[in-house]
């Protein structure tokens, strides 16, 4: 594994990150003493789609938009 001193790592950070992403991790050292290891992170998995996850488990009545309309109207116009 390659070791870079802090100054070189700062100077060439973009190139070093691209190499780490490509599978070439490296170590950053200060005065020859290793401080950190830089490795690529695994890409997070896309969340599972929830659209339609309950399909077929229940049914919606045809008059769903008008259910209870008479009762609601009575409640609004009650004296």
Protein backbone atom coordinates (compact mmCIF):
# COMPACT_ATOMS: atom_id res chain seq x y z
CA UNK A 1 0.00 0.00 0.00
CA UNK A 2 1.32 3.41 -0.99
CA UNK A 3 2.18 6.00 1.68
CA UNK A 4 1.97 9.74 1.01
CA UNK A 5 3.09 12.54 3.30
CA UNK A 6 0.56 15.21 4.21
CA UNK A 7 2.00 17.85 1.87
CA UNK A 8 1.95 15.51 -1.15
CA UNK A 9 -1.55 14.30 -0.25
CA UNK A 10 -2.84 17.89 -0.13
CA UNK A 11 -1.16 18.73 -3.42
CA UNK A 12 -2.50 15.68 -5.27
CA UNK A 13 -5.71 14.99 -3.33
CA UNK A 14 -8.01 14.75 -6.36
CA UNK A 15 -5.76 12.22 -8.11
CA UNK A 16 -5.29 10.19 -4.92
CA UNK A 17 -9.06 10.07 -4.30
CA UNK A 18 -9.69 8.88 -7.86
CA UNK A 19 -7.13 6.11 -7.34
CA UNK A 20 -8.68 5.11 -4.01
CA UNK A 21 -12.11 4.91 -5.66
CA UNK A 22 -10.54 2.70 -8.34
CA UNK A 23 -9.44 0.28 -5.61
CA UNK A 24 -5.98 1.59 -4.67
CA UNK A 25 -6.14 2.67 -1.00
CA UNK A 26 -3.29 4.72 0.45
CA UNK A 27 -1.93 5.92 3.79
CA UNK A 28 -1.27 9.52 4.76
CA UNK A 29 1.73 9.96 7.04
CA UNK A 30 3.27 12.82 9.01
CA UNK A 31 7.04 12.75 9.45
CA UNK A 32 7.00 9.14 8.23
CA UNK A 33 4.44 8.05 10.86
CA UNK A 34 1.21 6.65 9.35
CA UNK A 35 -1.85 8.61 10.47
CA UNK A 36 -4.83 7.60 8.33
CA UNK A 37 -5.77 5.05 5.70
CA UNK A 38 -7.89 6.26 2.79
CA UNK A 39 -10.15 3.67 1.16
CA UNK A 40 -13.22 3.93 -1.06
CA UNK A 41 -16.60 3.54 0.60
CA UNK A 42 -19.06 1.01 -0.69
CA UNK A 43 -21.85 2.74 -2.56
CA UNK A 44 -25.04 2.73 -0.48
CA UNK A 45 -27.75 0.49 -1.83
CA UNK A 46 -30.73 2.28 -3.30
CA UNK A 47 -33.74 2.09 -1.00
CA UNK A 48 -36.32 -0.48 -2.04
CA UNK A 49 -39.26 0.99 -3.89
CA UNK A 50 -42.38 1.05 -1.74
CA UNK A 51 -44.80 1.92 -4.52
CA UNK A 52 -47.39 -0.83 -4.72
CA UNK A 53 -46.03 -2.76 -1.74
CA UNK A 54 -49.55 -3.61 -0.52
CA UNK A 55 -51.02 -4.41 -3.92
CA UNK A 56 -53.75 -7.02 -3.65
CA UNK A 57 -54.00 -6.85 0.15
CA UNK A 58 -57.11 -4.66 0.23
CA UNK A 59 -59.64 -3.13 -2.12
CA UNK A 60 -61.00 0.39 -2.42
CA UNK A 61 -64.79 0.71 -2.92
CA UNK A 62 -65.96 2.33 -6.15
CA UNK A 63 -67.78 5.04 -4.19
CA UNK A 64 -64.75 5.88 -2.02
CA UNK A 65 -64.80 9.57 -3.01
CA UNK A 66 -68.43 9.92 -1.95
CA UNK A 67 -68.57 7.65 1.13
CA UNK A 68 -70.40 9.36 3.99
CA UNK A 69 -71.19 12.44 1.89
CA UNK A 70 -74.79 12.58 3.15
CA UNK A 71 -73.74 12.33 6.78
CA UNK A 72 -71.02 14.97 6.33
CA UNK A 73 -73.47 17.35 4.66
CA UNK A 74 -75.96 16.83 7.50
CA UNK A 75 -73.26 17.61 10.06
CA UNK A 76 -72.27 20.85 8.30
CA UNK A 77 -75.83 22.07 7.92
CA UNK A 78 -77.14 20.97 11.35
CA UNK A 79 -78.74 23.69 13.43
